[in-house]
PDB file of all heavy atoms in Angstrom:
ATOM      1  N   GLY A   1       0.799  -1.220   0.000  1.00  0.00           N
ATOM      2  CA  GLY A   1       0.000   0.000   0.000  1.00  0.00           C
ATOM      3  C   GLY A   1       0.830   1.267   0.000  1.00  0.00           C
ATOM      4  O   GLY A   1       2.000   1.277  -0.380  1.00  0.00           O
ATOM      5  N   ILE A   2       0.183   2.342   0.439  1.00  0.00           N
ATOM      6  CA  ILE A   2       0.826   3.651   0.482  1.00  0.00           C
ATOM      7  C   ILE A   2       0.851   4.155   1.928  1.00  0.00           C
ATOM      8  O   ILE A   2      -0.048   3.862   2.705  1.00  0.00           O
ATOM      9  CB  ILE A   2       0.106   4.682  -0.431  1.00  0.00           C
ATOM     10  CG1 ILE A   2      -1.354   4.848   0.001  1.00  0.00           C
ATOM     11  CG2 ILE A   2       0.191   4.276  -1.891  1.00  0.00           C
ATOM     12  CD1 ILE A   2      -2.074   6.005  -0.668  1.00  0.00           C
ATOM     13  N   PRO A   3       1.900   4.902   2.295  1.00  0.00           N
ATOM     14  CA  PRO A   3       1.984   5.383   3.673  1.00  0.00           C
ATOM     15  C   PRO A   3       0.951   6.471   3.952  1.00  0.00           C
ATOM     16  O   PRO A   3       0.647   7.289   3.078  1.00  0.00           O
ATOM     17  CB  PRO A   3       3.401   5.936   3.771  1.00  0.00           C
ATOM     18  CG  PRO A   3       3.803   6.253   2.376  1.00  0.00           C
ATOM     19  CD  PRO A   3       3.040   5.317   1.486  1.00  0.00           C
ATOM     20  N   VAL A   4       0.419   6.469   5.164  1.00  0.00           N
ATOM     21  CA  VAL A   4      -0.474   7.532   5.631  1.00  0.00           C
ATOM     22  C   VAL A   4      -0.059   7.918   7.048  1.00  0.00           C
ATOM     23  O   VAL A   4       0.394   7.074   7.824  1.00  0.00           O
ATOM     24  CB  VAL A   4      -1.972   7.132   5.591  1.00  0.00           C
ATOM     25  CG1 VAL A   4      -2.449   6.958   4.159  1.00  0.00           C
ATOM     26  CG2 VAL A   4      -2.243   5.874   6.385  1.00  0.00           C
ATOM     27  N   THR A   5      -0.208   9.189   7.361  1.00  0.00           N
ATOM     28  CA  THR A   5       0.115   9.665   8.708  1.00  0.00           C
ATOM     29  C   THR A   5      -1.011   9.286   9.669  1.00  0.00           C
ATOM     30  O   THR A   5      -2.104   8.890   9.241  1.00  0.00           O
ATOM     31  CB  THR A   5       0.263  11.193   8.731  1.00  0.00           C
ATOM     32  OG1 THR A   5      -1.007  11.780   8.443  1.00  0.00           O
ATOM     33  CG2 THR A   5       1.311  11.667   7.727  1.00  0.00           C
ATOM     34  N   ARG A   6      -0.740   9.451  10.924  1.00  0.00           N
ATOM     35  CA  ARG A   6      -1.761   9.158  11.940  1.00  0.00           C
ATOM     36  C   ARG A   6      -3.018  10.003  11.709  1.00  0.00           C
ATOM     37  O   ARG A   6      -4.127   9.518  11.874  1.00  0.00           O
ATOM     38  CB  ARG A   6      -1.177   9.414  13.332  1.00  0.00           C
ATOM     39  CG  ARG A   6      -2.122   9.024  14.421  1.00  0.00           C
ATOM     40  CD  ARG A   6      -1.472   9.063  15.765  1.00  0.00           C
ATOM     41  NE  ARG A   6      -2.508   8.971  16.773  1.00  0.00           N
ATOM     42  CZ  ARG A   6      -2.300   8.939  18.042  1.00  0.00           C
ATOM     43  NH1 ARG A   6      -1.078   8.976  18.509  1.00  0.00           N
ATOM     44  NH2 ARG A   6      -3.297   8.861  18.886  1.00  0.00           N
ATOM     45  N   GLU A   7      -2.831  11.232  11.302  1.00  0.00           N
ATOM     46  CA  GLU A   7      -3.967  12.125  11.058  1.00  0.00           C
ATOM     47  C   GLU A   7      -4.779  11.721   9.826  1.00  0.00           C
ATOM     48  O   GLU A   7      -5.951  12.063   9.718  1.00  0.00           O
ATOM     49  CB  GLU A   7      -3.475  13.578  10.902  1.00  0.00           C
ATOM     50  CG  GLU A   7      -2.857  14.167  12.151  1.00  0.00           C
ATOM     51  CD  GLU A   7      -1.454  13.619  12.454  1.00  0.00           C
ATOM     52  OE1 GLU A   7      -0.706  13.242  11.522  1.00  0.00           O
ATOM     53  OE2 GLU A   7      -1.129  13.549  13.648  1.00  0.00           O
ATOM     54  N   GLU A   8      -4.174  10.998   8.912  1.00  0.00           N
ATOM     55  CA  GLU A   8      -4.838  10.581   7.678  1.00  0.00           C
ATOM     56  C   GLU A   8      -5.490   9.205   7.766  1.00  0.00           C
ATOM     57  O   GLU A   8      -6.138   8.770   6.817  1.00  0.00           O
ATOM     58  CB  GLU A   8      -3.825  10.547   6.522  1.00  0.00           C
ATOM     59  CG  GLU A   8      -3.217  11.889   6.187  1.00  0.00           C
ATOM     60  CD  GLU A   8      -2.046  11.767   5.221  1.00  0.00           C
ATOM     61  OE1 GLU A   8      -1.237  10.818   5.337  1.00  0.00           O
ATOM     62  OE2 GLU A   8      -1.945  12.641   4.336  1.00  0.00           O
ATOM     63  N   LEU A   9      -5.318   8.508   8.873  1.00  0.00           N
ATOM     64  CA  LEU A   9      -5.830   7.138   8.987  1.00  0.00           C
ATOM     65  C   LEU A   9      -7.330   7.055   8.733  1.00  0.00           C
ATOM     66  O   LEU A   9      -8.095   7.916   9.180  1.00  0.00           O
ATOM     67  CB  LEU A   9      -5.532   6.573  10.381  1.00  0.00           C
ATOM     68  CG  LEU A   9      -4.093   6.201  10.668  1.00  0.00           C
ATOM     69  CD1 LEU A   9      -3.913   5.877  12.153  1.00  0.00           C
ATOM     70  CD2 LEU A   9      -3.646   5.030   9.798  1.00  0.00           C
ATOM     71  N   GLN A  10      -7.711   5.994   8.033  1.00  0.00           N
ATOM     72  CA  GLN A  10      -9.109   5.674   7.784  1.00  0.00           C
ATOM     73  C   GLN A  10      -9.346   4.221   8.181  1.00  0.00           C
ATOM     74  O   GLN A  10      -8.422   3.400   8.139  1.00  0.00           O
ATOM     75  CB  GLN A  10      -9.456   5.858   6.304  1.00  0.00           C
ATOM     76  CG  GLN A  10      -9.358   7.281   5.819  1.00  0.00           C
ATOM     77  CD  GLN A  10      -9.667   7.387   4.329  1.00  0.00           C
ATOM     78  OE1 GLN A  10     -10.072   6.428   3.681  1.00  0.00           O
ATOM     79  NE2 GLN A  10      -9.462   8.572   3.787  1.00  0.00           N
ATOM     80  N   PRO A  11     -10.584   3.884   8.584  1.00  0.00           N
ATOM     81  CA  PRO A  11     -10.868   2.492   8.928  1.00  0.00           C
ATOM     82  C   PRO A  11     -10.419   1.541   7.819  1.00  0.00           C
ATOM     83  O   PRO A  11     -10.650   1.791   6.638  1.00  0.00           O
ATOM     84  CB  PRO A  11     -12.385   2.479   9.110  1.00  0.00           C
ATOM     85  CG  PRO A  11     -12.696   3.873   9.570  1.00  0.00           C
ATOM     86  CD  PRO A  11     -11.756   4.749   8.776  1.00  0.00           C
ATOM     87  N   GLY A  12      -9.737   0.490   8.227  1.00  0.00           N
ATOM     88  CA  GLY A  12      -9.213  -0.494   7.281  1.00  0.00           C
ATOM     89  C   GLY A  12      -7.738  -0.328   6.980  1.00  0.00           C
ATOM     90  O   GLY A  12      -7.122  -1.239   6.425  1.00  0.00           O
ATOM     91  N   ASP A  13      -7.154   0.815   7.348  1.00  0.00           N
ATOM     92  CA  ASP A  13      -5.714   0.998   7.154  1.00  0.00           C
ATOM     93  C   ASP A  13      -4.952   0.121   8.136  1.00  0.00           C
ATOM     94  O   ASP A  13      -5.394  -0.112   9.268  1.00  0.00           O
ATOM     95  CB  ASP A  13      -5.308   2.459   7.393  1.00  0.00           C
ATOM     96  CG  ASP A  13      -5.774   3.405   6.308  1.00  0.00           C
ATOM     97  OD1 ASP A  13      -6.142   2.941   5.205  1.00  0.00           O
ATOM     98  OD2 ASP A  13      -5.778   4.632   6.567  1.00  0.00           O
ATOM     99  N   LEU A  14      -3.801  -0.354   7.699  1.00  0.00           N
ATOM    100  CA  LEU A  14      -2.898  -1.052   8.611  1.00  0.00           C
ATOM    101  C   LEU A  14      -2.167  -0.022   9.457  1.00  0.00           C
ATOM    102  O   LEU A  14      -1.813   1.057   8.961  1.00  0.00           O
ATOM    103  CB  LEU A  14      -1.880  -1.891   7.834  1.00  0.00           C
ATOM    104  CG  LEU A  14      -2.425  -3.091   7.074  1.00  0.00           C
ATOM    105  CD1 LEU A  14      -1.326  -3.710   6.206  1.00  0.00           C
ATOM    106  CD2 LEU A  14      -2.987  -4.136   8.028  1.00  0.00           C
ATOM    107  N   VAL A  15      -1.942  -0.326  10.728  1.00  0.00           N
ATOM    108  CA  VAL A  15      -1.158   0.549  11.603  1.00  0.00           C
ATOM    109  C   VAL A  15       0.044  -0.244  12.111  1.00  0.00           C
ATOM    110  O   VAL A  15      -0.088  -1.399  12.501  1.00  0.00           O
ATOM    111  CB  VAL A  15      -1.991   1.116  12.773  1.00  0.00           C
ATOM    112  CG1 VAL A  15      -2.963   2.172  12.268  1.00  0.00           C
ATOM    113  CG2 VAL A  15      -2.740   0.031  13.528  1.00  0.00           C
ATOM    114  N   PHE A  16       1.198   0.392  12.081  1.00  0.00           N
ATOM    115  CA  PHE A  16       2.455  -0.272  12.423  1.00  0.00           C
ATOM    116  C   PHE A  16       3.113   0.392  13.618  1.00  0.00           C
ATOM    117  O   PHE A  16       3.039   1.606  13.789  1.00  0.00           O
ATOM    118  CB  PHE A  16       3.416  -0.239  11.228  1.00  0.00           C
ATOM    119  CG  PHE A  16       2.950  -1.077  10.076  1.00  0.00           C
ATOM    120  CD1 PHE A  16       2.154  -0.532   9.085  1.00  0.00           C
ATOM    121  CD2 PHE A  16       3.289  -2.416  10.000  1.00  0.00           C
ATOM    122  CE1 PHE A  16       1.701  -1.304   8.031  1.00  0.00           C
ATOM    123  CE2 PHE A  16       2.846  -3.202   8.949  1.00  0.00           C
ATOM    124  CZ  PHE A  16       2.050  -2.641   7.960  1.00  0.00           C
ATOM    125  N   PHE A  17       3.800  -0.443  14.380  1.00  0.00           N
ATOM    126  CA  PHE A  17       4.459   0.000  15.593  1.00  0.00           C
ATOM    127  C   PHE A  17       5.882  -0.536  15.597  1.00  0.00           C
ATOM    128  O   PHE A  17       6.165  -1.581  15.013  1.00  0.00           O
ATOM    129  CB  PHE A  17       3.703  -0.522  16.821  1.00  0.00           C
ATOM    130  CG  PHE A  17       2.259  -0.114  16.813  1.00  0.00           C
ATOM    131  CD1 PHE A  17       1.305  -0.902  16.188  1.00  0.00           C
ATOM    132  CD2 PHE A  17       1.853   1.069  17.409  1.00  0.00           C
ATOM    133  CE1 PHE A  17      -0.035  -0.527  16.147  1.00  0.00           C
ATOM    134  CE2 PHE A  17       0.521   1.461  17.380  1.00  0.00           C
ATOM    135  CZ  PHE A  17      -0.417   0.660  16.752  1.00  0.00           C
ATOM    136  N   ARG A  18       6.775   0.196  16.284  1.00  0.00           N
ATOM    137  CA  ARG A  18       8.167  -0.221  16.355  1.00  0.00           C
ATOM    138  C   ARG A  18       8.680   0.033  17.773  1.00  0.00           C
ATOM    139  O   ARG A  18       8.766   1.173  18.217  1.00  0.00           O
ATOM    140  CB  ARG A  18       9.017   0.568  15.379  1.00  0.00           C
ATOM    141  CG  ARG A  18      10.476   0.143  15.363  1.00  0.00           C
ATOM    142  CD  ARG A  18      11.329   0.944  14.392  1.00  0.00           C
ATOM    143  NE  ARG A  18      10.820   0.880  13.046  1.00  0.00           N
ATOM    144  CZ  ARG A  18      10.452   1.955  12.325  1.00  0.00           C
ATOM    145  NH1 ARG A  18      10.552   3.152  12.835  1.00  0.00           N
ATOM    146  NH2 ARG A  18       9.997   1.809  11.108  1.00  0.00           N
ATOM    147  N   ASP A  19       9.010  -1.034  18.473  1.00  0.00           N
ATOM    148  CA  ASP A  19       9.668  -0.905  19.769  1.00  0.00           C
ATOM    149  C   ASP A  19      11.075  -0.390  19.558  1.00  0.00           C
ATOM    150  O   ASP A  19      11.652  -0.543  18.485  1.00  0.00           O
ATOM    151  CB  ASP A  19       9.723  -2.255  20.491  1.00  0.00           C
ATOM    152  CG  ASP A  19       8.359  -2.688  21.007  1.00  0.00           C
ATOM    153  OD1 ASP A  19       7.568  -1.810  21.386  1.00  0.00           O
ATOM    154  OD2 ASP A  19       8.088  -3.896  21.030  1.00  0.00           O
ATOM    155  N   THR A  20      11.651   0.167  20.594  1.00  0.00           N
ATOM    156  CA  THR A  20      12.984   0.770  20.469  1.00  0.00           C
ATOM    157  C   THR A  20      14.074  -0.235  20.131  1.00  0.00           C
ATOM    158  O   THR A  20      15.118   0.149  19.627  1.00  0.00           O
ATOM    159  CB  THR A  20      13.362   1.507  21.764  1.00  0.00           C
ATOM    160  OG1 THR A  20      13.246   0.596  22.854  1.00  0.00           O
ATOM    161  CG2 THR A  20      12.463   2.699  21.993  1.00  0.00           C
ATOM    162  N   ASN A  21      13.845  -1.512  20.384  1.00  0.00           N
ATOM    163  CA  ASN A  21      14.892  -2.496  20.082  1.00  0.00           C
ATOM    164  C   ASN A  21      14.815  -3.014  18.643  1.00  0.00           C
ATOM    165  O   ASN A  21      15.541  -3.915  18.278  1.00  0.00           O
ATOM    166  CB  ASN A  21      14.839  -3.669  21.070  1.00  0.00           C
ATOM    167  CG  ASN A  21      13.519  -4.411  21.038  1.00  0.00           C
ATOM    168  OD1 ASN A  21      12.507  -3.852  20.631  1.00  0.00           O
ATOM    169  ND2 ASN A  21      13.506  -5.649  21.474  1.00  0.00           N
ATOM    170  N   TYR A  22      13.949  -2.439  17.818  1.00  0.00           N
ATOM    171  CA  TYR A  22      13.849  -2.846  16.412  1.00  0.00           C
ATOM    172  C   TYR A  22      14.582  -1.839  15.535  1.00  0.00           C
ATOM    173  O   TYR A  22      14.670  -0.665  15.864  1.00  0.00           O
ATOM    174  CB  TYR A  22      12.381  -2.922  15.975  1.00  0.00           C
ATOM    175  CG  TYR A  22      11.729  -4.235  16.316  1.00  0.00           C
ATOM    176  CD1 TYR A  22      11.370  -4.531  17.620  1.00  0.00           C
ATOM    177  CD2 TYR A  22      11.495  -5.192  15.343  1.00  0.00           C
ATOM    178  CE1 TYR A  22      10.790  -5.741  17.952  1.00  0.00           C
ATOM    179  CE2 TYR A  22      10.915  -6.410  15.659  1.00  0.00           C
ATOM    180  CZ  TYR A  22      10.562  -6.669  16.962  1.00  0.00           C
ATOM    181  OH  TYR A  22      10.003  -7.868  17.267  1.00  0.00           O
ATOM    182  N   SER A  23      15.062  -2.312  14.392  1.00  0.00           N
ATOM    183  CA  SER A  23      15.756  -1.410  13.475  1.00  0.00           C
ATOM    184  C   SER A  23      14.766  -0.420  12.877  1.00  0.00           C
ATOM    185  O   SER A  23      13.558  -0.604  12.957  1.00  0.00           O
ATOM    186  CB  SER A  23      16.412  -2.215  12.348  1.00  0.00           C
ATOM    187  OG  SER A  23      15.453  -2.570  11.369  1.00  0.00           O
ATOM    188  N   THR A  24      15.281   0.607  12.259  1.00  0.00           N
ATOM    189  CA  THR A  24      14.420   1.630  11.670  1.00  0.00           C
ATOM    190  C   THR A  24      13.654   1.122  10.464  1.00  0.00           C
ATOM    191  O   THR A  24      12.735   1.766   9.999  1.00  0.00           O
ATOM    192  CB  THR A  24      15.238   2.869  11.263  1.00  0.00           C
ATOM    193  OG1 THR A  24      16.248   2.460  10.342  1.00  0.00           O
ATOM    194  CG2 THR A  24      15.859   3.544  12.456  1.00  0.00           C
ATOM    195  N   LYS A  25      14.019  -0.047   9.945  1.00  0.00           N
ATOM    196  CA  LYS A  25      13.329  -0.598   8.780  1.00  0.00           C
ATOM    197  C   LYS A  25      12.431  -1.771   9.150  1.00  0.00           C
ATOM    198  O   LYS A  25      11.932  -2.457   8.274  1.00  0.00           O
ATOM    199  CB  LYS A  25      14.343  -1.013   7.721  1.00  0.00           C
ATOM    200  CG  LYS A  25      15.100   0.175   7.168  1.00  0.00           C
ATOM    201  CD  LYS A  25      16.031  -0.222   6.067  1.00  0.00           C
ATOM    202  CE  LYS A  25      16.746   1.026   5.575  1.00  0.00           C
ATOM    203  NZ  LYS A  25      17.564   0.797   4.442  1.00  0.00           N
ATOM    204  N   ALA A  26      12.228  -1.999  10.436  1.00  0.00           N
ATOM    205  CA  ALA A  26      11.431  -3.138  10.876  1.00  0.00           C
ATOM    206  C   ALA A  26      10.222  -2.668  11.677  1.00  0.00           C
ATOM    207  O   ALA A  26      10.238  -1.593  12.267  1.00  0.00           O
ATOM    208  CB  ALA A  26      12.283  -4.077  11.721  1.00  0.00           C
ATOM    209  N   ALA A  27       9.195  -3.469  11.665  1.00  0.00           N
ATOM    210  CA  ALA A  27       8.019  -3.226  12.495  1.00  0.00           C
ATOM    211  C   ALA A  27       7.944  -4.324  13.547  1.00  0.00           C
ATOM    212  O   ALA A  27       8.183  -5.493  13.250  1.00  0.00           O
ATOM    213  CB  ALA A  27       6.753  -3.226  11.641  1.00  0.00           C
ATOM    214  N   SER A  28       7.609  -3.956  14.763  1.00  0.00           N
ATOM    215  CA  SER A  28       7.469  -4.953  15.814  1.00  0.00           C
ATOM    216  C   SER A  28       6.026  -5.415  15.972  1.00  0.00           C
ATOM    217  O   SER A  28       5.773  -6.438  16.600  1.00  0.00           O
ATOM    218  CB  SER A  28       7.970  -4.390  17.148  1.00  0.00           C
ATOM    219  OG  SER A  28       7.258  -3.217  17.500  1.00  0.00           O
ATOM    220  N   HIS A  29       5.071  -4.674  15.373  1.00  0.00           N
ATOM    221  CA  HIS A  29       3.662  -5.013  15.562  1.00  0.00           C
ATOM    222  C   HIS A  29       2.825  -4.363  14.460  1.00  0.00           C
ATOM    223  O   HIS A  29       3.180  -3.320  13.930  1.00  0.00           O
ATOM    224  CB  HIS A  29       3.204  -4.517  16.936  1.00  0.00           C
ATOM    225  CG  HIS A  29       1.891  -5.057  17.366  1.00  0.00           C
ATOM    226  ND1 HIS A  29       1.671  -6.400  17.583  1.00  0.00           N
ATOM    227  CD2 HIS A  29       0.712  -4.439  17.624  1.00  0.00           C
ATOM    228  CE1 HIS A  29       0.402  -6.576  17.967  1.00  0.00           C
ATOM    229  NE2 HIS A  29      -0.193  -5.406  17.990  1.00  0.00           N
ATOM    230  N   VAL A  30       1.677  -4.989  14.158  1.00  0.00           N
ATOM    231  CA  VAL A  30       0.756  -4.452  13.162  1.00  0.00           C
ATOM    232  C   VAL A  30      -0.682  -4.709  13.631  1.00  0.00           C
ATOM    233  O   VAL A  30      -0.961  -5.703  14.301  1.00  0.00           O
ATOM    234  CB  VAL A  30       1.002  -5.071  11.758  1.00  0.00           C
ATOM    235  CG1 VAL A  30       0.797  -6.582  11.764  1.00  0.00           C
ATOM    236  CG2 VAL A  30       0.140  -4.403  10.695  1.00  0.00           C
ATOM    237  N   GLY A  31      -1.560  -3.783  13.288  1.00  0.00           N
ATOM    238  CA  GLY A  31      -2.980  -3.927  13.580  1.00  0.00           C
ATOM    239  C   GLY A  31      -3.791  -3.266  12.473  1.00  0.00           C
ATOM    240  O   GLY A  31      -3.233  -2.815  11.466  1.00  0.00           O
ATOM    241  N   ILE A  32      -5.097  -3.184  12.678  1.00  0.00           N
ATOM    242  CA  ILE A  32      -6.006  -2.585  11.691  1.00  0.00           C
ATOM    243  C   ILE A  32      -6.736  -1.422  12.351  1.00  0.00           C
ATOM    244  O   ILE A  32      -7.383  -1.595  13.397  1.00  0.00           O
ATOM    245  CB  ILE A  32      -7.022  -3.621  11.165  1.00  0.00           C
ATOM    246  CG1 ILE A  32      -6.307  -4.806  10.526  1.00  0.00           C
ATOM    247  CG2 ILE A  32      -7.996  -2.964  10.173  1.00  0.00           C
ATOM    248  CD1 ILE A  32      -7.224  -5.999  10.236  1.00  0.00           C
ATOM    249  N   TYR A  33      -6.630  -0.252  11.740  1.00  0.00           N
ATOM    250  CA  TYR A  33      -7.306   0.925  12.269  1.00  0.00           C
ATOM    251  C   TYR A  33      -8.814   0.770  12.081  1.00  0.00           C
ATOM    252  O   TYR A  33      -9.279   0.378  11.011  1.00  0.00           O
ATOM    253  CB  TYR A  33      -6.807   2.181  11.545  1.00  0.00           C
ATOM    254  CG  TYR A  33      -7.338   3.456  12.134  1.00  0.00           C
ATOM    255  CD1 TYR A  33      -6.901   3.891  13.392  1.00  0.00           C
ATOM    256  CD2 TYR A  33      -8.271   4.222  11.452  1.00  0.00           C
ATOM    257  CE1 TYR A  33      -7.384   5.070  13.940  1.00  0.00           C
ATOM    258  CE2 TYR A  33      -8.756   5.399  11.996  1.00  0.00           C
ATOM    259  CZ  TYR A  33      -8.314   5.810  13.244  1.00  0.00           C
ATOM    260  OH  TYR A  33      -8.804   6.977  13.786  1.00  0.00           O
ATOM    261  N   ILE A  34      -9.593   1.067  13.144  1.00  0.00           N
ATOM    262  CA  ILE A  34     -11.050   0.914  13.055  1.00  0.00           C
ATOM    263  C   ILE A  34     -11.789   2.235  13.237  1.00  0.00           C
ATOM    264  O   ILE A  34     -13.011   2.264  13.264  1.00  0.00           O
ATOM    265  CB  ILE A  34     -11.575  -0.142  14.060  1.00  0.00           C
ATOM    266  CG1 ILE A  34     -11.298   0.262  15.500  1.00  0.00           C
ATOM    267  CG2 ILE A  34     -10.981  -1.517  13.737  1.00  0.00           C
ATOM    268  CD1 ILE A  34     -11.985  -0.646  16.529  1.00  0.00           C
ATOM    269  N   GLY A  35     -11.050   3.336  13.347  1.00  0.00           N
ATOM    270  CA  GLY A  35     -11.668   4.644  13.503  1.00  0.00           C
ATOM    271  C   GLY A  35     -11.619   5.118  14.945  1.00  0.00           C
ATOM    272  O   GLY A  35     -11.365   4.354  15.874  1.00  0.00           O
ATOM    273  N   ASN A  36     -11.850   6.418  15.118  1.00  0.00           N
ATOM    274  CA  ASN A  36     -11.942   7.002  16.457  1.00  0.00           C
ATOM    275  C   ASN A  36     -10.681   6.749  17.290  1.00  0.00           C
ATOM    276  O   ASN A  36     -10.776   6.487  18.490  1.00  0.00           O
ATOM    277  CB  ASN A  36     -13.181   6.456  17.159  1.00  0.00           C
ATOM    278  CG  ASN A  36     -13.806   7.478  18.076  1.00  0.00           C
ATOM    279  OD1 ASN A  36     -13.609   8.664  17.898  1.00  0.00           O
ATOM    280  ND2 ASN A  36     -14.554   7.009  19.044  1.00  0.00           N
ATOM    281  N   SER A  37      -9.523   6.790  16.643  1.00  0.00           N
ATOM    282  CA  SER A  37      -8.224   6.554  17.279  1.00  0.00           C
ATOM    283  C   SER A  37      -8.071   5.155  17.863  1.00  0.00           C
ATOM    284  O   SER A  37      -7.241   4.927  18.741  1.00  0.00           O
ATOM    285  CB  SER A  37      -7.937   7.603  18.367  1.00  0.00           C
ATOM    286  OG  SER A  37      -7.803   8.872  17.790  1.00  0.00           O
ATOM    287  N   GLN A  38      -8.846   4.195  17.390  1.00  0.00           N
ATOM    288  CA  GLN A  38      -8.765   2.822  17.881  1.00  0.00           C
ATOM    289  C   GLN A  38      -8.283   1.885  16.782  1.00  0.00           C
ATOM    290  O   GLN A  38      -8.494   2.141  15.599  1.00  0.00           O
ATOM    291  CB  GLN A  38     -10.116   2.346  18.389  1.00  0.00           C
ATOM    292  CG  GLN A  38     -10.611   3.107  19.603  1.00  0.00           C
ATOM    293  CD  GLN A  38     -11.909   2.529  20.118  1.00  0.00           C
ATOM    294  OE1 GLN A  38     -12.814   2.233  19.349  1.00  0.00           O
ATOM    295  NE2 GLN A  38     -11.992   2.367  21.427  1.00  0.00           N
ATOM    296  N   PHE A  39      -7.672   0.793  17.217  1.00  0.00           N
ATOM    297  CA  PHE A  39      -7.237  -0.234  16.285  1.00  0.00           C
ATOM    298  C   PHE A  39      -7.486  -1.594  16.909  1.00  0.00           C
ATOM    299  O   PHE A  39      -7.551  -1.746  18.133  1.00  0.00           O
ATOM    300  CB  PHE A  39      -5.768  -0.058  15.887  1.00  0.00           C
ATOM    301  CG  PHE A  39      -4.781  -0.271  16.999  1.00  0.00           C
ATOM    302  CD1 PHE A  39      -4.055  -1.452  17.091  1.00  0.00           C
ATOM    303  CD2 PHE A  39      -4.562   0.709  17.960  1.00  0.00           C
ATOM    304  CE1 PHE A  39      -3.149  -1.650  18.106  1.00  0.00           C
ATOM    305  CE2 PHE A  39      -3.652   0.526  18.988  1.00  0.00           C
ATOM    306  CZ  PHE A  39      -2.948  -0.662  19.061  1.00  0.00           C
ATOM    307  N   ILE A  40      -7.631  -2.596  16.050  1.00  0.00           N
ATOM    308  CA  ILE A  40      -7.839  -3.975  16.483  1.00  0.00           C
ATOM    309  C   ILE A  40      -6.608  -4.768  16.097  1.00  0.00           C
ATOM    310  O   ILE A  40      -6.026  -4.556  15.024  1.00  0.00           O
ATOM    311  CB  ILE A  40      -9.145  -4.544  15.872  1.00  0.00           C
ATOM    312  CG1 ILE A  40      -9.505  -5.899  16.494  1.00  0.00           C
ATOM    313  CG2 ILE A  40      -9.080  -4.609  14.355  1.00  0.00           C
ATOM    314  CD1 ILE A  40     -10.931  -6.349  16.162  1.00  0.00           C
ATOM    315  N   HIS A  41      -6.199  -5.677  17.004  1.00  0.00           N
ATOM    316  CA  HIS A  41      -4.951  -6.409  16.767  1.00  0.00           C
ATOM    317  C   HIS A  41      -4.903  -7.660  17.627  1.00  0.00           C
ATOM    318  O   HIS A  41      -5.630  -7.783  18.611  1.00  0.00           O
ATOM    319  CB  HIS A  41      -3.744  -5.516  17.067  1.00  0.00           C
ATOM    320  CG  HIS A  41      -3.684  -5.016  18.487  1.00  0.00           C
ATOM    321  ND1 HIS A  41      -2.519  -4.940  19.192  1.00  0.00           N
ATOM    322  CD2 HIS A  41      -4.635  -4.556  19.337  1.00  0.00           C
ATOM    323  CE1 HIS A  41      -2.748  -4.464  20.401  1.00  0.00           C
ATOM    324  NE2 HIS A  41      -4.031  -4.217  20.512  1.00  0.00           N
ATOM    325  N   ALA A  42      -4.038  -8.579  17.225  1.00  0.00           N
ATOM    326  CA  ALA A  42      -3.732  -9.746  18.052  1.00  0.00           C
ATOM    327  C   ALA A  42      -2.558  -9.346  18.932  1.00  0.00           C
ATOM    328  O   ALA A  42      -1.459  -9.107  18.443  1.00  0.00           O
ATOM    329  CB  ALA A  42      -3.384 -10.958  17.184  1.00  0.00           C
TER     330      ALA A  42
END
C-alpha cells in the first residue's frame, strides 16, 4: 500500500508500531485501524 500519517488514517488501514529495540526498517507489531483513534490487533 501507500503510507499515511496518523492524522490521515481511515478504517481499514494497517497501523504499524516499532519498539525501540527494532531497526528503523522493521516493524514490531501491526494492527487494523477501526476509527476514532482505535485499532484492532492480536
